[in-house]
Every structure is written in structure tokens, then in C-alpha cells.
Protein backbone atom coordinates (compact mmCIF):
# COMPACT_ATOMS: atom_id res chain seq x y z
CA MET A 1 -55.10 12.22 2.85
CA SER A 2 -55.18 9.04 4.94
CA ILE A 3 -58.26 7.14 5.99
CA ARG A 4 -57.77 5.30 9.26
CA LEU A 5 -60.20 2.65 10.41
CA SER A 6 -60.13 0.93 13.80
CA ARG A 7 -59.57 -2.80 13.94
CA LEU A 8 -63.26 -3.35 14.86
CA ALA A 9 -64.41 -1.32 11.82
CA LYS A 10 -62.09 -3.20 9.52
CA GLY A 11 -63.34 -6.51 10.91
CA MET A 12 -67.01 -5.54 10.52
CA LEU A 13 -66.33 -4.33 6.95
CA VAL A 14 -64.72 -7.71 6.04
CA VAL A 15 -67.60 -9.68 7.55
CA ALA A 16 -70.21 -7.50 5.74
CA VAL A 17 -68.47 -7.95 2.36
CA MET A 18 -68.21 -11.76 2.84
CA VAL A 19 -71.89 -12.06 3.77
CA LEU A 20 -73.02 -9.95 0.86
CA MET A 21 -70.87 -11.83 -1.65
CA SER A 22 -71.70 -15.29 -0.36
CA GLU A 23 -75.45 -14.73 -0.39
CA ARG A 24 -75.58 -15.30 -4.16
CA GLY A 25 -73.05 -18.09 -4.04
CA TRP A 26 -75.11 -20.10 -1.65
CA ALA A 27 -78.23 -20.11 -3.71
CA ILE A 28 -79.08 -23.72 -3.41
CA ARG A 29 -82.18 -24.47 -5.48
CA GLN A 30 -84.66 -27.14 -4.43
CA GLY A 31 -85.85 -29.62 -7.02
CA LEU A 32 -89.56 -29.82 -7.57
CA GLY A 33 -90.85 -33.34 -7.58
CA PRO A 34 -93.67 -34.64 -9.74
CA SER A 35 -97.12 -33.18 -9.39
CA LYS A 36 -100.50 -34.31 -10.76
CA ASN A 37 -100.51 -31.54 -13.35
CA GLU A 38 -96.76 -30.93 -13.74
CA TRP A 39 -97.00 -27.69 -11.78
CA GLY A 40 -99.55 -26.32 -14.31
CA LEU A 41 -96.99 -26.18 -17.12
CA LYS A 42 -98.25 -26.47 -20.61
CA TYR A 43 -95.44 -27.31 -23.00
CA ASP A 44 -94.35 -29.46 -25.90
CA VAL A 45 -90.92 -30.96 -26.64
CA ALA A 46 -89.56 -32.33 -29.87
CA VAL A 47 -86.11 -33.95 -30.31
CA ALA A 48 -84.77 -34.76 -33.72
CA ASP A 49 -81.47 -35.68 -35.34
CA ALA A 50 -79.39 -32.78 -36.55
CA ASP A 51 -76.21 -32.76 -38.53
CA GLY A 52 -73.44 -35.01 -37.36
CA ASP A 53 -73.53 -36.19 -33.80
CA LYS A 54 -76.02 -33.60 -32.51
CA LEU A 55 -79.71 -33.55 -31.62
CA THR A 56 -82.00 -30.55 -31.93
CA VAL A 57 -84.30 -29.96 -29.04
CA VAL A 58 -87.34 -27.67 -29.53
CA PHE A 59 -89.23 -26.49 -26.48
CA ALA A 60 -92.66 -24.84 -26.92
CA LEU A 61 -94.22 -23.19 -23.89
CA ALA A 62 -97.87 -22.35 -23.75
CA ASP A 63 -98.21 -21.59 -20.00
CA GLU A 64 -95.68 -21.23 -17.17
CA GLY A 65 -98.25 -22.57 -14.71
CA ARG A 66 -97.45 -22.32 -11.00
CA LEU A 67 -93.77 -21.59 -11.66
CA LYS A 68 -94.17 -18.18 -13.32
CA PRO A 69 -92.14 -16.20 -13.99
CA PHE A 70 -89.23 -18.40 -15.11
CA TYR A 71 -85.74 -17.26 -14.17
CA SER A 72 -84.12 -19.42 -16.90
CA VAL A 73 -84.68 -22.39 -19.23
CA ASP A 74 -81.60 -24.41 -20.00
CA LEU A 75 -80.74 -27.57 -21.88
CA VAL A 76 -78.49 -29.55 -19.56
CA ALA A 77 -76.75 -32.85 -19.06
CA PHE A 78 -75.07 -33.75 -15.87
CA SER A 79 -72.10 -36.01 -15.34
CA LYS A 80 -72.55 -39.40 -13.60
CA PRO A 81 -72.23 -38.99 -9.79
CA ASP A 82 -68.73 -39.28 -8.40
CA SER A 83 -67.89 -41.27 -5.23
CA GLY A 84 -69.22 -38.42 -3.10
CA GLY A 85 -72.50 -38.24 -5.02
CA SER A 86 -71.84 -34.79 -6.59
CA ARG A 87 -72.31 -34.05 -10.26
CA THR A 88 -71.08 -31.42 -12.66
CA TYR A 89 -72.43 -30.14 -15.99
CA ASP A 90 -71.32 -32.11 -18.93
CA PHE A 91 -73.41 -29.74 -21.05
CA ASN A 92 -75.27 -26.53 -20.36
CA GLU A 93 -76.88 -24.22 -22.96
CA PRO A 94 -79.60 -21.62 -22.37
CA ILE A 95 -82.80 -21.88 -24.38
CA LYS A 96 -84.02 -18.42 -25.44
CA LEU A 97 -87.75 -18.38 -25.77
CA LYS A 98 -89.31 -16.21 -28.48
CA PRO A 99 -92.94 -15.68 -29.45
CA GLY A 100 -94.22 -18.25 -32.00
CA ASP A 101 -96.98 -17.94 -34.52
CA ASP A 102 -99.54 -19.70 -32.34
CA GLY A 103 -99.02 -17.62 -29.24
CA LYS A 104 -96.61 -20.06 -27.64
CA ARG A 105 -93.05 -19.09 -26.74
CA VAL A 106 -90.64 -21.31 -28.58
CA GLY A 107 -86.90 -21.94 -28.29
CA GLN A 108 -84.45 -24.55 -29.33
CA GLY A 109 -80.87 -25.83 -28.76
CA GLN A 110 -78.54 -28.57 -29.82
CA ILE A 111 -76.90 -31.17 -27.70
CA PRO A 112 -74.44 -33.94 -28.51
CA LYS A 113 -76.14 -37.37 -29.00
CA LYS A 114 -73.90 -38.94 -26.32
CA PHE A 115 -75.75 -36.95 -23.70
CA LEU A 116 -79.23 -38.05 -24.71
CA GLU A 117 -79.94 -40.33 -21.78
CA ARG A 118 -78.80 -37.64 -19.21
CA ALA A 119 -80.17 -34.61 -21.01
CA GLN A 120 -83.03 -32.57 -19.77
CA ILE A 121 -84.65 -29.17 -19.94
CA ARG A 122 -84.12 -27.46 -16.59
CA ILE A 123 -86.57 -24.72 -15.72
CA ILE A 124 -85.38 -22.51 -12.81
CA THR A 125 -87.82 -20.24 -11.05
CA LEU A 126 -87.46 -17.99 -8.01
CA THR A 127 -91.19 -18.31 -7.11
CA VAL A 128 -93.63 -21.15 -6.79
CA ASP A 129 -97.37 -20.33 -6.53
CA GLY A 130 -96.38 -16.65 -6.47
CA LYS A 131 -94.30 -17.07 -3.29
CA ARG A 132 -90.52 -16.32 -3.37
CA GLN A 133 -88.47 -19.37 -2.50
CA PRO A 134 -86.19 -18.76 0.50
CA SER A 135 -83.60 -21.22 -0.75
CA GLY A 136 -82.74 -19.17 -3.78
CA GLY A 137 -85.23 -20.78 -6.16
CA ALA A 138 -86.50 -24.06 -7.39
CA PHE A 139 -86.04 -26.13 -10.55
CA TYR A 140 -88.10 -28.52 -12.56
CA ASP A 141 -86.48 -30.96 -14.94
CA ILE A 142 -88.04 -32.39 -18.11
CA PRO A 143 -86.11 -35.43 -19.42
CA ILE A 144 -85.82 -35.32 -23.26
CA ALA A 145 -85.00 -38.86 -24.20
CA LYS A 146 -88.67 -39.85 -24.41
CA TYR A 147 -89.30 -37.10 -27.01
CA LEU A 148 -86.76 -38.38 -29.53
CA ASN A 149 -88.13 -38.38 -33.14
CA LYS A 150 -91.45 -36.79 -32.04
CA ALA A 151 -92.86 -34.55 -34.75
CA PRO A 152 -91.39 -31.08 -34.48
CA VAL A 153 -93.54 -28.33 -33.00
CA ALA A 154 -95.28 -26.33 -35.76
CA ALA A 155 -94.07 -22.93 -34.54
CA SER A 156 -90.42 -23.97 -34.14
CA SER A 157 -89.32 -22.96 -37.68
CA ALA A 158 -90.91 -19.52 -37.28
CA ALA A 159 -89.25 -18.89 -33.89
CA ALA A 160 -85.86 -20.23 -35.04
CA SER A 161 -85.83 -17.86 -37.98
CA ARG A 162 -86.33 -14.76 -35.81
């Protein structure tokens, strides 16, 4: 059995496939700048030395604020910009949030010390203030260098053991 398609039908099929596939590839997320209340987020971050050349980053989330629901929470470090201004990931690890003892959601990750100055927690959301973002989402970055040697979050050990 042979299926024959006209040139026009083949062309339309190719265009449809390209559009559907590229829609996800073109998801350019917009960075959210500072706000008076950090977009309503309520969180705590602790960064401490780990074994060897690593740092442990503990992220405790009490409220997702105006960015709920989160699409992902990642521990990232970007390369220095190249001559064209573009950057790549030097480090990227998801932070899985689990319920803590005090009602907060807690997660942690480890990052090499050499990335401390460029490391940040990147929160990606598809909605802001309950409205879907047409650009494919938005992100909010929390630099972690200022949290180095801050006392660990109380619920971190309970969430890490689960």
C-alpha cells in the first residue's frame, strides 16, 4: 500500500512539524528584576563548606509569592560572557524541594568552590501574578555568595535525610 501526498501537502506537513518542534526550543525566559518585596518570596539560604573543594547550598522556601507555581529551582553558575556577550552553564544542578519539619520546603545541592562568585539559585516560573508568561516563562536569580558560612537552616538535615 502506498500513500501519496501532493507537494503542497508535503510542504505544509514539514512547516507544521518545524513550527511545533521549535515552539519549545524558542522558550526565551525573561529575567525578573528586583522588587520591593522580592516578588513575595519567603526563603532562606545557607552556604557552608563541604568535603574537598565543594560548597553545600541549602535552600528553604516558606512561600512562592507572586511566582507560584515554580517550574524549577536550580543551582547554577554561568561562564563569563564571550566576545558576543553570550554565556553557557559552567554548572547546573536541580534542587529538589521536600517538606521540612517546620512547614517549609527544603532542598540542597553542592557546587564547586571555584564557582562561588558566579553561583546563584535560579527559580523558573511559567506564571507571574497568576498570569502565564507569553515568552515561555520568567526567572529570578538569588546570588549565593553573600550567604557563605551563614548558619544552616534548621530543617535542612531533616529534608536531606528523606
